[in-house]
Amino acid sequence: MQPHNYPHPFGMKKLHQVAYFYMPANEERPAELIQILNCDRTHIHVPMREEDVTLDTFFVRDMTEAEIQNFSGNQTWQIFSHWGELHEDHVRYKVSRKVLGELEQFKQKFPLGESIAA
């Protein structure tokens, strides 16, 4: 993997970045992948009923031209509960095969609904 795929320790300042966060499952909901387009930080705070959760990014990439055109400068959160949904979204927005392959490596570390079934 190339160094640009990891967050800078002092924060992300580059425009048009996509950051990925993993929200583990609990009794009330399944695990989720949170993808934030036009993200400028390496962690997020997610308000929860019991207690707010802070998540750290596990992968960062540049936005594709299709994503830039569709989402312009607006920060957009997308939540995925299956890796297949994420893959379909990335194909739609022309994410490179190389990046798709790099993301695939996280399937074992960050299991989602279809990954847990045995």
PDB file of N, CA and C in Angstrom:
ATOM      1  N   MET A   1       0.829  -1.180   0.000  1.00  0.00           N
ATOM      2  CA  MET A   1       0.000   0.000   0.000  1.00  0.00           C
ATOM      3  C   MET A   1       0.871   1.239   0.000  1.00  0.00           C
ATOM      4  N   GLN A   2       0.356   2.274  -0.615  1.00  0.00           N
ATOM      5  CA  GLN A   2       1.103   3.520  -0.686  1.00  0.00           C
ATOM      6  C   GLN A   2       0.831   4.376   0.546  1.00  0.00           C
ATOM      7  N   PRO A   3       1.789   5.210   0.933  1.00  0.00           N
ATOM      8  CA  PRO A   3       1.631   6.012   2.136  1.00  0.00           C
ATOM      9  C   PRO A   3       0.402   6.928   2.118  1.00  0.00           C
ATOM     10  N   HIS A   4      -0.042   7.386   0.927  1.00  0.00           N
ATOM     11  CA  HIS A   4      -1.176   8.311   0.895  1.00  0.00           C
ATOM     12  C   HIS A   4      -2.478   7.659   1.341  1.00  0.00           C
ATOM     13  N   ASN A   5      -2.497   6.368   1.511  1.00  0.00           N
ATOM     14  CA  ASN A   5      -3.701   5.680   1.943  1.00  0.00           C
ATOM     15  C   ASN A   5      -3.844   5.638   3.462  1.00  0.00           C
ATOM     16  N   TYR A   6      -2.907   6.200   4.161  1.00  0.00           N
ATOM     17  CA  TYR A   6      -2.989   6.226   5.606  1.00  0.00           C
ATOM     18  C   TYR A   6      -3.085   7.669   6.071  1.00  0.00           C
ATOM     19  N   PRO A   7      -3.823   7.901   7.154  1.00  0.00           N
ATOM     20  CA  PRO A   7      -3.998   9.267   7.621  1.00  0.00           C
ATOM     21  C   PRO A   7      -2.700   9.869   8.132  1.00  0.00           C
ATOM     22  N   HIS A   8      -2.530  11.133   7.875  1.00  0.00           N
ATOM     23  CA  HIS A   8      -1.390  11.869   8.412  1.00  0.00           C
ATOM     24  C   HIS A   8      -1.612  12.007   9.912  1.00  0.00           C
ATOM     25  N   PRO A   9      -0.581  11.836  10.728  1.00  0.00           N
ATOM     26  CA  PRO A   9      -0.780  11.856  12.184  1.00  0.00           C
ATOM     27  C   PRO A   9      -1.328  13.184  12.705  1.00  0.00           C
ATOM     28  N   PHE A  10      -1.172  14.268  11.971  1.00  0.00           N
ATOM     29  CA  PHE A  10      -1.646  15.571  12.433  1.00  0.00           C
ATOM     30  C   PHE A  10      -2.972  15.953  11.805  1.00  0.00           C
ATOM     31  N   GLY A  11      -3.610  15.034  11.097  1.00  0.00           N
ATOM     32  CA  GLY A  11      -4.913  15.314  10.506  1.00  0.00           C
ATOM     33  C   GLY A  11      -4.832  15.406   9.001  1.00  0.00           C
ATOM     34  N   MET A  12      -5.969  15.293   8.372  1.00  0.00           N
ATOM     35  CA  MET A  12      -6.046  15.328   6.918  1.00  0.00           C
ATOM     36  C   MET A  12      -6.420  16.740   6.493  1.00  0.00           C
ATOM     37  N   LYS A  13      -5.632  17.337   5.646  1.00  0.00           N
ATOM     38  CA  LYS A  13      -5.908  18.695   5.194  1.00  0.00           C
ATOM     39  C   LYS A  13      -6.179  18.751   3.700  1.00  0.00           C
ATOM     40  N   LYS A  14      -5.942  17.673   2.986  1.00  0.00           N
ATOM     41  CA  LYS A  14      -6.092  17.638   1.540  1.00  0.00           C
ATOM     42  C   LYS A  14      -7.569  17.602   1.166  1.00  0.00           C
ATOM     43  N   LEU A  15      -7.944  18.356   0.125  1.00  0.00           N
ATOM     44  CA  LEU A  15      -9.322  18.344  -0.356  1.00  0.00           C
ATOM     45  C   LEU A  15      -9.637  17.040  -1.070  1.00  0.00           C
ATOM     46  N   HIS A  16     -10.915  16.730  -1.138  1.00  0.00           N
ATOM     47  CA  HIS A  16     -11.410  15.580  -1.886  1.00  0.00           C
ATOM     48  C   HIS A  16     -10.797  14.257  -1.422  1.00  0.00           C
ATOM     49  N   GLN A  17     -10.912  14.018  -0.137  1.00  0.00           N
ATOM     50  CA  GLN A  17     -10.466  12.759   0.451  1.00  0.00           C
ATOM     51  C   GLN A  17     -11.683  11.959   0.903  1.00  0.00           C
ATOM     52  N   VAL A  18     -11.564  10.633   0.841  1.00  0.00           N
ATOM     53  CA  VAL A  18     -12.576   9.728   1.361  1.00  0.00           C
ATOM     54  C   VAL A  18     -11.932   8.968   2.513  1.00  0.00           C
ATOM     55  N   ALA A  19     -12.599   8.958   3.665  1.00  0.00           N
ATOM     56  CA  ALA A  19     -12.088   8.246   4.831  1.00  0.00           C
ATOM     57  C   ALA A  19     -13.083   7.148   5.212  1.00  0.00           C
ATOM     58  N   TYR A  20     -12.550   6.047   5.728  1.00  0.00           N
ATOM     59  CA  TYR A  20     -13.356   4.880   6.090  1.00  0.00           C
ATOM     60  C   TYR A  20     -13.203   4.613   7.583  1.00  0.00           C
ATOM     61  N   PHE A  21     -14.333   4.334   8.221  1.00  0.00           N
ATOM     62  CA  PHE A  21     -14.386   4.059   9.654  1.00  0.00           C
ATOM     63  C   PHE A  21     -15.206   2.796   9.871  1.00  0.00           C
ATOM     64  N   TYR A  22     -14.879   2.034  10.915  1.00  0.00           N
ATOM     65  CA  TYR A  22     -15.604   0.799  11.227  1.00  0.00           C
ATOM     66  C   TYR A  22     -16.325   0.955  12.554  1.00  0.00           C
ATOM     67  N   MET A  23     -17.645   0.707  12.524  1.00  0.00           N
ATOM     68  CA  MET A  23     -18.464   0.728  13.739  1.00  0.00           C
ATOM     69  C   MET A  23     -18.818  -0.719  14.072  1.00  0.00           C
ATOM     70  N   PRO A  24     -18.239  -1.272  15.148  1.00  0.00           N
ATOM     71  CA  PRO A  24     -18.532  -2.668  15.508  1.00  0.00           C
ATOM     72  C   PRO A  24     -20.004  -2.854  15.871  1.00  0.00           C
ATOM     73  N   ALA A  25     -20.469  -4.074  15.755  1.00  0.00           N
ATOM     74  CA  ALA A  25     -21.852  -4.417  16.104  1.00  0.00           C
ATOM     75  C   ALA A  25     -22.047  -4.322  17.616  1.00  0.00           C
ATOM     76  N   ASN A  26     -23.298  -4.129  18.000  1.00  0.00           N
ATOM     77  CA  ASN A  26     -23.679  -4.254  19.402  1.00  0.00           C
ATOM     78  C   ASN A  26     -25.030  -4.962  19.450  1.00  0.00           C
ATOM     79  N   GLU A  27     -25.672  -5.028  20.603  1.00  0.00           N
ATOM     80  CA  GLU A  27     -26.935  -5.762  20.717  1.00  0.00           C
ATOM     81  C   GLU A  27     -28.048  -5.152  19.873  1.00  0.00           C
ATOM     82  N   GLU A  28     -27.952  -3.862  19.585  1.00  0.00           N
ATOM     83  CA  GLU A  28     -29.028  -3.147  18.899  1.00  0.00           C
ATOM     84  C   GLU A  28     -28.861  -3.042  17.391  1.00  0.00           C
ATOM     85  N   ARG A  29     -27.648  -3.181  16.874  1.00  0.00           N
ATOM     86  CA  ARG A  29     -27.425  -2.997  15.438  1.00  0.00           C
ATOM     87  C   ARG A  29     -26.211  -3.788  14.971  1.00  0.00           C
ATOM     88  N   PRO A  30     -26.212  -4.115  13.663  1.00  0.00           N
ATOM     89  CA  PRO A  30     -25.073  -4.851  13.095  1.00  0.00           C
ATOM     90  C   PRO A  30     -23.870  -3.920  12.883  1.00  0.00           C
ATOM     91  N   ALA A  31     -22.734  -4.508  12.604  1.00  0.00           N
ATOM     92  CA  ALA A  31     -21.531  -3.727  12.297  1.00  0.00           C
ATOM     93  C   ALA A  31     -21.757  -2.934  11.021  1.00  0.00           C
ATOM     94  N   GLU A  32     -21.092  -1.788  10.924  1.00  0.00           N
ATOM     95  CA  GLU A  32     -21.236  -0.920   9.756  1.00  0.00           C
ATOM     96  C   GLU A  32     -19.895  -0.330   9.350  1.00  0.00           C
ATOM     97  N   LEU A  33     -19.776  -0.070   8.059  1.00  0.00           N
ATOM     98  CA  LEU A  33     -18.658   0.699   7.527  1.00  0.00           C
ATOM     99  C   LEU A  33     -19.187   2.088   7.244  1.00  0.00           C
ATOM    100  N   ILE A  34     -18.506   3.095   7.729  1.00  0.00           N
ATOM    101  CA  ILE A  34     -18.892   4.477   7.464  1.00  0.00           C
ATOM    102  C   ILE A  34     -17.856   5.053   6.512  1.00  0.00           C
ATOM    103  N   GLN A  35     -18.334   5.511   5.364  1.00  0.00           N
ATOM    104  CA  GLN A  35     -17.464   6.155   4.370  1.00  0.00           C
ATOM    105  C   GLN A  35     -17.846   7.632   4.361  1.00  0.00           C
ATOM    106  N   ILE A  36     -16.854   8.500   4.538  1.00  0.00           N
ATOM    107  CA  ILE A  36     -17.133   9.935   4.532  1.00  0.00           C
ATOM    108  C   ILE A  36     -16.368  10.568   3.376  1.00  0.00           C
ATOM    109  N   LEU A  37     -17.125  11.144   2.444  1.00  0.00           N
ATOM    110  CA  LEU A  37     -16.536  11.851   1.311  1.00  0.00           C
ATOM    111  C   LEU A  37     -16.272  13.294   1.722  1.00  0.00           C
ATOM    112  N   ASN A  38     -15.205  13.867   1.193  1.00  0.00           N
ATOM    113  CA  ASN A  38     -14.769  15.225   1.562  1.00  0.00           C
ATOM    114  C   ASN A  38     -14.484  15.303   3.060  1.00  0.00           C
ATOM    115  N   CYS A  39     -13.814  14.285   3.557  1.00  0.00           N
ATOM    116  CA  CYS A  39     -13.489  14.184   4.980  1.00  0.00           C
ATOM    117  C   CYS A  39     -12.161  14.884   5.251  1.00  0.00           C
ATOM    118  N   ASP A  40     -12.091  15.625   6.344  1.00  0.00           N
ATOM    119  CA  ASP A  40     -10.875  16.356   6.683  1.00  0.00           C
ATOM    120  C   ASP A  40     -10.326  15.987   8.053  1.00  0.00           C
ATOM    121  N   ARG A  41     -10.733  14.832   8.563  1.00  0.00           N
ATOM    122  CA  ARG A  41     -10.239  14.438   9.883  1.00  0.00           C
ATOM    123  C   ARG A  41      -9.951  12.941   9.950  1.00  0.00           C
ATOM    124  N   THR A  42      -9.188  12.557  10.950  1.00  0.00           N
ATOM    125  CA  THR A  42      -8.785  11.160  11.092  1.00  0.00           C
ATOM    126  C   THR A  42      -9.634  10.402  12.100  1.00  0.00           C
ATOM    127  N   HIS A  43     -10.566  11.095  12.761  1.00  0.00           N
ATOM    128  CA  HIS A  43     -11.471  10.424  13.690  1.00  0.00           C
ATOM    129  C   HIS A  43     -12.819  11.144  13.647  1.00  0.00           C
ATOM    130  N   ILE A  44     -13.861  10.428  14.046  1.00  0.00           N
ATOM    131  CA  ILE A  44     -15.200  11.004  14.103  1.00  0.00           C
ATOM    132  C   ILE A  44     -15.853  10.628  15.422  1.00  0.00           C
ATOM    133  N   HIS A  45     -16.805  11.429  15.842  1.00  0.00           N
ATOM    134  CA  HIS A  45     -17.603  11.139  17.033  1.00  0.00           C
ATOM    135  C   HIS A  45     -18.999  10.769  16.551  1.00  0.00           C
ATOM    136  N   VAL A  46     -19.457   9.597  16.950  1.00  0.00           N
ATOM    137  CA  VAL A  46     -20.774   9.113  16.558  1.00  0.00           C
ATOM    138  C   VAL A  46     -21.654   9.117  17.798  1.00  0.00           C
ATOM    139  N   PRO A  47     -22.718   9.927  17.776  1.00  0.00           N
ATOM    140  CA  PRO A  47     -23.604   9.943  18.941  1.00  0.00           C
ATOM    141  C   PRO A  47     -24.393   8.634  19.049  1.00  0.00           C
ATOM    142  N   MET A  48     -24.372   8.046  20.216  1.00  0.00           N
ATOM    143  CA  MET A  48     -25.084   6.795  20.472  1.00  0.00           C
ATOM    144  C   MET A  48     -26.008   7.015  21.667  1.00  0.00           C
ATOM    145  N   ARG A  49     -26.994   6.158  21.793  1.00  0.00           N
ATOM    146  CA  ARG A  49     -27.967   6.293  22.879  1.00  0.00           C
ATOM    147  C   ARG A  49     -27.276   6.196  24.247  1.00  0.00           C
ATOM    148  N   GLU A  50     -26.417   5.198  24.417  1.00  0.00           N
ATOM    149  CA  GLU A  50     -25.778   4.973  25.713  1.00  0.00           C
ATOM    150  C   GLU A  50     -24.592   5.915  25.945  1.00  0.00           C
ATOM    151  N   GLU A  51     -23.728   6.001  24.943  1.00  0.00           N
ATOM    152  CA  GLU A  51     -22.494   6.775  25.095  1.00  0.00           C
ATOM    153  C   GLU A  51     -21.935   7.039  23.699  1.00  0.00           C
ATOM    154  N   ASP A  52     -21.480   8.277  23.460  1.00  0.00           N
ATOM    155  CA  ASP A  52     -20.890   8.600  22.164  1.00  0.00           C
ATOM    156  C   ASP A  52     -19.652   7.752  21.929  1.00  0.00           C
ATOM    157  N   VAL A  53     -19.414   7.419  20.657  1.00  0.00           N
ATOM    158  CA  VAL A  53     -18.288   6.582  20.280  1.00  0.00           C
ATOM    159  C   VAL A  53     -17.353   7.397  19.395  1.00  0.00           C
ATOM    160  N   THR A  54     -16.054   7.265  19.605  1.00  0.00           N
ATOM    161  CA  THR A  54     -15.064   7.888  18.740  1.00  0.00           C
ATOM    162  C   THR A  54     -14.436   6.793  17.888  1.00  0.00           C
ATOM    163  N   LEU A  55     -14.438   7.001  16.582  1.00  0.00           N
ATOM    164  CA  LEU A  55     -13.864   6.036  15.640  1.00  0.00           C
ATOM    165  C   LEU A  55     -12.674   6.652  14.928  1.00  0.00           C
ATOM    166  N   ASP A  56     -11.647   5.841  14.699  1.00  0.00           N
ATOM    167  CA  ASP A  56     -10.473   6.265  13.940  1.00  0.00           C
ATOM    168  C   ASP A  56     -10.553   5.703  12.534  1.00  0.00           C
ATOM    169  N   THR A  57     -10.057   6.464  11.583  1.00  0.00           N
ATOM    170  CA  THR A  57     -10.063   6.006  10.197  1.00  0.00           C
ATOM    171  C   THR A  57      -9.118   4.821  10.033  1.00  0.00           C
ATOM    172  N   PHE A  58      -9.500   3.878   9.169  1.00  0.00           N
ATOM    173  CA  PHE A  58      -8.607   2.759   8.887  1.00  0.00           C
ATOM    174  C   PHE A  58      -8.091   2.803   7.461  1.00  0.00           C
ATOM    175  N   PHE A  59      -8.642   3.682   6.624  1.00  0.00           N
ATOM    176  CA  PHE A  59      -8.209   3.769   5.227  1.00  0.00           C
ATOM    177  C   PHE A  59      -8.626   5.130   4.678  1.00  0.00           C
ATOM    178  N   VAL A  60      -7.755   5.739   3.893  1.00  0.00           N
ATOM    179  CA  VAL A  60      -8.029   7.035   3.269  1.00  0.00           C
ATOM    180  C   VAL A  60      -7.591   6.958   1.812  1.00  0.00           C
ATOM    181  N   ARG A  61      -8.398   7.558   0.941  1.00  0.00           N
ATOM    182  CA  ARG A  61      -8.038   7.600  -0.479  1.00  0.00           C
ATOM    183  C   ARG A  61      -8.516   8.910  -1.080  1.00  0.00           C
ATOM    184  N   ASP A  62      -8.002   9.210  -2.268  1.00  0.00           N
ATOM    185  CA  ASP A  62      -8.470  10.368  -3.011  1.00  0.00           C
ATOM    186  C   ASP A  62      -9.822  10.049  -3.638  1.00  0.00           C
ATOM    187  N   MET A  63     -10.679  11.063  -3.750  1.00  0.00           N
ATOM    188  CA  MET A  63     -11.971  10.880  -4.412  1.00  0.00           C
ATOM    189  C   MET A  63     -11.747  10.725  -5.912  1.00  0.00           C
ATOM    190  N   THR A  64     -12.639   9.991  -6.568  1.00  0.00           N
ATOM    191  CA  THR A  64     -12.591   9.857  -8.023  1.00  0.00           C
ATOM    192  C   THR A  64     -13.233  11.098  -8.643  1.00  0.00           C
ATOM    193  N   GLU A  65     -13.000  11.300  -9.940  1.00  0.00           N
ATOM    194  CA  GLU A  65     -13.626  12.422 -10.640  1.00  0.00           C
ATOM    195  C   GLU A  65     -15.146  12.331 -10.551  1.00  0.00           C
ATOM    196  N   ALA A  66     -15.702  11.123 -10.673  1.00  0.00           N
ATOM    197  CA  ALA A  66     -17.151  10.938 -10.587  1.00  0.00           C
ATOM    198  C   ALA A  66     -17.676  11.330  -9.203  1.00  0.00           C
ATOM    199  N   GLU A  67     -16.938  11.004  -8.155  1.00  0.00           N
ATOM    200  CA  GLU A  67     -17.349  11.383  -6.799  1.00  0.00           C
ATOM    201  C   GLU A  67     -17.266  12.892  -6.611  1.00  0.00           C
ATOM    202  N   ILE A  68     -16.205  13.495  -7.125  1.00  0.00           N
ATOM    203  CA  ILE A  68     -16.048  14.948  -7.001  1.00  0.00           C
ATOM    204  C   ILE A  68     -17.210  15.659  -7.691  1.00  0.00           C
ATOM    205  N   GLN A  69     -17.564  15.204  -8.890  1.00  0.00           N
ATOM    206  CA  GLN A  69     -18.671  15.823  -9.622  1.00  0.00           C
ATOM    207  C   GLN A  69     -19.999  15.627  -8.895  1.00  0.00           C
ATOM    208  N   ASN A  70     -20.221  14.463  -8.340  1.00  0.00           N
ATOM    209  CA  ASN A  70     -21.494  14.157  -7.698  1.00  0.00           C
ATOM    210  C   ASN A  70     -21.634  14.772  -6.309  1.00  0.00           C
ATOM    211  N   PHE A  71     -20.549  14.812  -5.543  1.00  0.00           N
ATOM    212  CA  PHE A  71     -20.626  15.272  -4.162  1.00  0.00           C
ATOM    213  C   PHE A  71     -19.988  16.630  -3.938  1.00  0.00           C
ATOM    214  N   SER A  72     -19.384  17.223  -4.971  1.00  0.00           N
ATOM    215  CA  SER A  72     -18.685  18.520  -4.932  1.00  0.00           C
ATOM    216  C   SER A  72     -17.938  18.701  -3.616  1.00  0.00           C
ATOM    217  N   GLY A  73     -18.163  19.786  -2.918  1.00  0.00           N
ATOM    218  CA  GLY A  73     -17.407  20.031  -1.692  1.00  0.00           C
ATOM    219  C   GLY A  73     -18.163  19.670  -0.435  1.00  0.00           C
ATOM    220  N   ASN A  74     -19.289  18.985  -0.562  1.00  0.00           N
ATOM    221  CA  ASN A  74     -20.111  18.651   0.603  1.00  0.00           C
ATOM    222  C   ASN A  74     -19.615  17.386   1.293  1.00  0.00           C
ATOM    223  N   GLN A  75     -19.495  17.458   2.608  1.00  0.00           N
ATOM    224  CA  GLN A  75     -19.152  16.242   3.350  1.00  0.00           C
ATOM    225  C   GLN A  75     -20.372  15.331   3.336  1.00  0.00           C
ATOM    226  N   THR A  76     -20.178  14.098   2.911  1.00  0.00           N
ATOM    227  CA  THR A  76     -21.273  13.146   2.774  1.00  0.00           C
ATOM    228  C   THR A  76     -20.914  11.855   3.488  1.00  0.00           C
ATOM    229  N   TRP A  77     -21.790  11.431   4.398  1.00  0.00           N
ATOM    230  CA  TRP A  77     -21.604  10.173   5.110  1.00  0.00           C
ATOM    231  C   TRP A  77     -22.420   9.113   4.404  1.00  0.00           C
ATOM    232  N   GLN A  78     -21.805   7.968   4.151  1.00  0.00           N
ATOM    233  CA  GLN A  78     -22.505   6.816   3.608  1.00  0.00           C
ATOM    234  C   GLN A  78     -22.240   5.642   4.534  1.00  0.00           C
ATOM    235  N   ILE A  79     -23.298   4.891   4.852  1.00  0.00           N
ATOM    236  CA  ILE A  79     -23.189   3.773   5.781  1.00  0.00           C
ATOM    237  C   ILE A  79     -23.462   2.480   5.016  1.00  0.00           C
ATOM    238  N   PHE A  80     -22.566   1.517   5.175  1.00  0.00           N
ATOM    239  CA  PHE A  80     -22.694   0.229   4.498  1.00  0.00           C
ATOM    240  C   PHE A  80     -22.705  -0.880   5.548  1.00  0.00           C
ATOM    241  N   SER A  81     -23.633  -1.814   5.401  1.00  0.00           N
ATOM    242  CA  SER A  81     -23.688  -2.936   6.335  1.00  0.00           C
ATOM    243  C   SER A  81     -23.178  -4.232   5.695  1.00  0.00           C
ATOM    244  N   HIS A  82     -22.807  -4.152   4.406  1.00  0.00           N
ATOM    245  CA  HIS A  82     -22.250  -5.301   3.683  1.00  0.00           C
ATOM    246  C   HIS A  82     -21.114  -4.818   2.776  1.00  0.00           C
ATOM    247  N   TRP A  83     -20.071  -5.602   2.698  1.00  0.00           N
ATOM    248  CA  TRP A  83     -18.955  -5.258   1.816  1.00  0.00           C
ATOM    249  C   TRP A  83     -19.407  -5.185   0.360  1.00  0.00           C
ATOM    250  N   GLY A  84     -20.374  -6.025  -0.028  1.00  0.00           N
ATOM    251  CA  GLY A  84     -20.880  -6.015  -1.401  1.00  0.00           C
ATOM    252  C   GLY A  84     -21.507  -4.680  -1.774  1.00  0.00           C
ATOM    253  N   GLU A  85     -22.213  -4.046  -0.833  1.00  0.00           N
ATOM    254  CA  GLU A  85     -22.794  -2.717  -1.070  1.00  0.00           C
ATOM    255  C   GLU A  85     -21.701  -1.690  -1.336  1.00  0.00           C
ATOM    256  N   LEU A  86     -20.653  -1.752  -0.542  1.00  0.00           N
ATOM    257  CA  LEU A  86     -19.535  -0.828  -0.721  1.00  0.00           C
ATOM    258  C   LEU A  86     -18.900  -1.035  -2.089  1.00  0.00           C
ATOM    259  N   HIS A  87     -18.706  -2.292  -2.469  1.00  0.00           N
ATOM    260  CA  HIS A  87     -18.094  -2.611  -3.760  1.00  0.00           C
ATOM    261  C   HIS A  87     -18.958  -2.058  -4.909  1.00  0.00           C
ATOM    262  N   GLU A  88     -20.263  -2.269  -4.852  1.00  0.00           N
ATOM    263  CA  GLU A  88     -21.161  -1.755  -5.900  1.00  0.00           C
ATOM    264  C   GLU A  88     -21.086  -0.238  -6.001  1.00  0.00           C
ATOM    265  N   ASP A  89     -21.074   0.433  -4.860  1.00  0.00           N
ATOM    266  CA  ASP A  89     -20.962   1.891  -4.846  1.00  0.00           C
ATOM    267  C   ASP A  89     -19.657   2.334  -5.495  1.00  0.00           C
ATOM    268  N   HIS A  90     -18.567   1.636  -5.173  1.00  0.00           N
ATOM    269  CA  HIS A  90     -17.263   2.020  -5.701  1.00  0.00           C
ATOM    270  C   HIS A  90     -17.156   1.770  -7.201  1.00  0.00           C
ATOM    271  N   VAL A  91     -17.783   0.726  -7.687  1.00  0.00           N
ATOM    272  CA  VAL A  91     -17.803   0.479  -9.135  1.00  0.00           C
ATOM    273  C   VAL A  91     -18.584   1.607  -9.822  1.00  0.00           C
ATOM    274  N   ARG A  92     -19.720   1.986  -9.251  1.00  0.00           N
ATOM    275  CA  ARG A  92     -20.552   3.067  -9.806  1.00  0.00           C
ATOM    276  C   ARG A  92     -19.763   4.368  -9.922  1.00  0.00           C
ATOM    277  N   TYR A  93     -18.932   4.674  -8.930  1.00  0.00           N
ATOM    278  CA  TYR A  93     -18.174   5.926  -8.927  1.00  0.00           C
ATOM    279  C   TYR A  93     -16.740   5.768  -9.430  1.00  0.00           C
ATOM    280  N   LYS A  94     -16.482   4.662 -10.127  1.00  0.00           N
ATOM    281  CA  LYS A  94     -15.224   4.434 -10.837  1.00  0.00           C
ATOM    282  C   LYS A  94     -13.973   4.470  -9.957  1.00  0.00           C
ATOM    283  N   VAL A  95     -14.079   3.836  -8.793  1.00  0.00           N
ATOM    284  CA  VAL A  95     -12.908   3.680  -7.925  1.00  0.00           C
ATOM    285  C   VAL A  95     -12.003   2.643  -8.591  1.00  0.00           C
ATOM    286  N   SER A  96     -10.710   2.901  -8.607  1.00  0.00           N
ATOM    287  CA  SER A  96      -9.768   2.020  -9.308  1.00  0.00           C
ATOM    288  C   SER A  96      -9.742   0.613  -8.717  1.00  0.00           C
ATOM    289  N   ARG A  97      -9.383  -0.338  -9.569  1.00  0.00           N
ATOM    290  CA  ARG A  97      -9.259  -1.738  -9.111  1.00  0.00           C
ATOM    291  C   ARG A  97      -8.207  -1.862  -8.019  1.00  0.00           C
ATOM    292  N   LYS A  98      -7.162  -1.064  -8.112  1.00  0.00           N
ATOM    293  CA  LYS A  98      -6.097  -1.108  -7.109  1.00  0.00           C
ATOM    294  C   LYS A  98      -6.655  -0.741  -5.731  1.00  0.00           C
ATOM    295  N   VAL A  99      -7.424   0.338  -5.671  1.00  0.00           N
ATOM    296  CA  VAL A  99      -8.011   0.759  -4.397  1.00  0.00           C
ATOM    297  C   VAL A  99      -9.013  -0.283  -3.909  1.00  0.00           C
ATOM    298  N   LEU A 100      -9.820  -0.825  -4.829  1.00  0.00           N
ATOM    299  CA  LEU A 100     -10.766  -1.879  -4.441  1.00  0.00           C
ATOM    300  C   LEU A 100     -10.026  -3.058  -3.810  1.00  0.00           C
ATOM    301  N   GLY A 101      -8.903  -3.432  -4.394  1.00  0.00           N
ATOM    302  CA  GLY A 101      -8.097  -4.525  -3.858  1.00  0.00           C
ATOM    303  C   GLY A 101      -7.537  -4.209  -2.484  1.00  0.00           C
ATOM    304  N   GLU A 102      -7.106  -2.956  -2.293  1.00  0.00           N
ATOM    305  CA  GLU A 102      -6.584  -2.554  -0.985  1.00  0.00           C
ATOM    306  C   GLU A 102      -7.684  -2.616   0.072  1.00  0.00           C
ATOM    307  N   LEU A 103      -8.884  -2.184  -0.281  1.00  0.00           N
ATOM    308  CA  LEU A 103     -10.003  -2.242   0.662  1.00  0.00           C
ATOM    309  C   LEU A 103     -10.401  -3.681   0.992  1.00  0.00           C
ATOM    310  N   GLU A 104     -10.322  -4.565   0.009  1.00  0.00           N
ATOM    311  CA  GLU A 104     -10.670  -5.977   0.219  1.00  0.00           C
ATOM    312  C   GLU A 104      -9.836  -6.587   1.350  1.00  0.00           C
ATOM    313  N   GLN A 105      -8.630  -6.097   1.526  1.00  0.00           N
ATOM    314  CA  GLN A 105      -7.748  -6.644   2.557  1.00  0.00           C
ATOM    315  C   GLN A 105      -8.292  -6.408   3.968  1.00  0.00           C
ATOM    316  N   PHE A 106      -9.239  -5.487   4.110  1.00  0.00           N
ATOM    317  CA  PHE A 106      -9.790  -5.175   5.427  1.00  0.00           C
ATOM    318  C   PHE A 106     -11.014  -6.019   5.781  1.00  0.00           C
ATOM    319  N   LYS A 107     -11.481  -6.864   4.854  1.00  0.00           N
ATOM    320  CA  LYS A 107     -12.687  -7.665   5.109  1.00  0.00           C
ATOM    321  C   LYS A 107     -12.556  -8.557   6.343  1.00  0.00           C
ATOM    322  N   GLN A 108     -11.412  -9.177   6.533  1.00  0.00           N
ATOM    323  CA  GLN A 108     -11.224 -10.073   7.682  1.00  0.00           C
ATOM    324  C   GLN A 108     -11.131  -9.289   8.991  1.00  0.00           C
ATOM    325  N   LYS A 109     -10.467  -8.153   8.940  1.00  0.00           N
ATOM    326  CA  LYS A 109     -10.273  -7.353  10.148  1.00  0.00           C
ATOM    327  C   LYS A 109     -11.562  -6.660  10.588  1.00  0.00           C
ATOM    328  N   PHE A 110     -12.402  -6.283   9.607  1.00  0.00           N
ATOM    329  CA  PHE A 110     -13.636  -5.554   9.894  1.00  0.00           C
ATOM    330  C   PHE A 110     -14.832  -6.307   9.313  1.00  0.00           C
ATOM    331  N   PRO A 111     -15.287  -7.368   9.990  1.00  0.00           N
ATOM    332  CA  PRO A 111     -16.387  -8.190   9.461  1.00  0.00           C
ATOM    333  C   PRO A 111     -17.715  -7.443   9.486  1.00  0.00           C
ATOM    334  N   LEU A 112     -18.480  -7.630   8.418  1.00  0.00           N
ATOM    335  CA  LEU A 112     -19.837  -7.099   8.339  1.00  0.00           C
ATOM    336  C   LEU A 112     -20.803  -8.273   8.266  1.00  0.00           C
ATOM    337  N   GLY A 113     -22.085  -8.016   8.149  1.00  0.00           N
ATOM    338  CA  GLY A 113     -23.122  -9.043   8.195  1.00  0.00           C
ATOM    339  C   GLY A 113     -22.818 -10.279   7.379  1.00  0.00           C
ATOM    340  N   GLU A 114     -22.509 -10.115   6.069  1.00  0.00           N
ATOM    341  CA  GLU A 114     -22.294 -11.292   5.229  1.00  0.00           C
ATOM    342  C   GLU A 114     -20.974 -11.980   5.531  1.00  0.00           C
ATOM    343  N   SER A 115     -20.049 -11.289   6.182  1.00  0.00           N
ATOM    344  CA  SER A 115     -18.764 -11.881   6.508  1.00  0.00           C
ATOM    345  C   SER A 115     -18.832 -12.761   7.749  1.00  0.00           C
ATOM    346  N   ILE A 116     -19.833 -12.521   8.614  1.00  0.00           N
ATOM    347  CA  ILE A 116     -19.928 -13.244   9.876  1.00  0.00           C
ATOM    348  C   ILE A 116     -20.603 -14.601   9.687  1.00  0.00           C
ATOM    349  N   ALA A 117     -21.540 -14.659   8.759  1.00  0.00           N
ATOM    350  CA  ALA A 117     -22.292 -15.911   8.535  1.00  0.00           C
ATOM    351  C   ALA A 117     -21.357 -17.047   8.169  1.00  0.00           C
ATOM    352  N   ALA A 118     -21.561 -18.194   8.781  1.00  0.00           N
ATOM    353  CA  ALA A 118     -20.695 -19.343   8.476  1.00  0.00           C
ATOM    354  C   ALA A 118     -21.524 -20.568   8.195  1.00  0.00           C
TER     355      ALA A 118
END
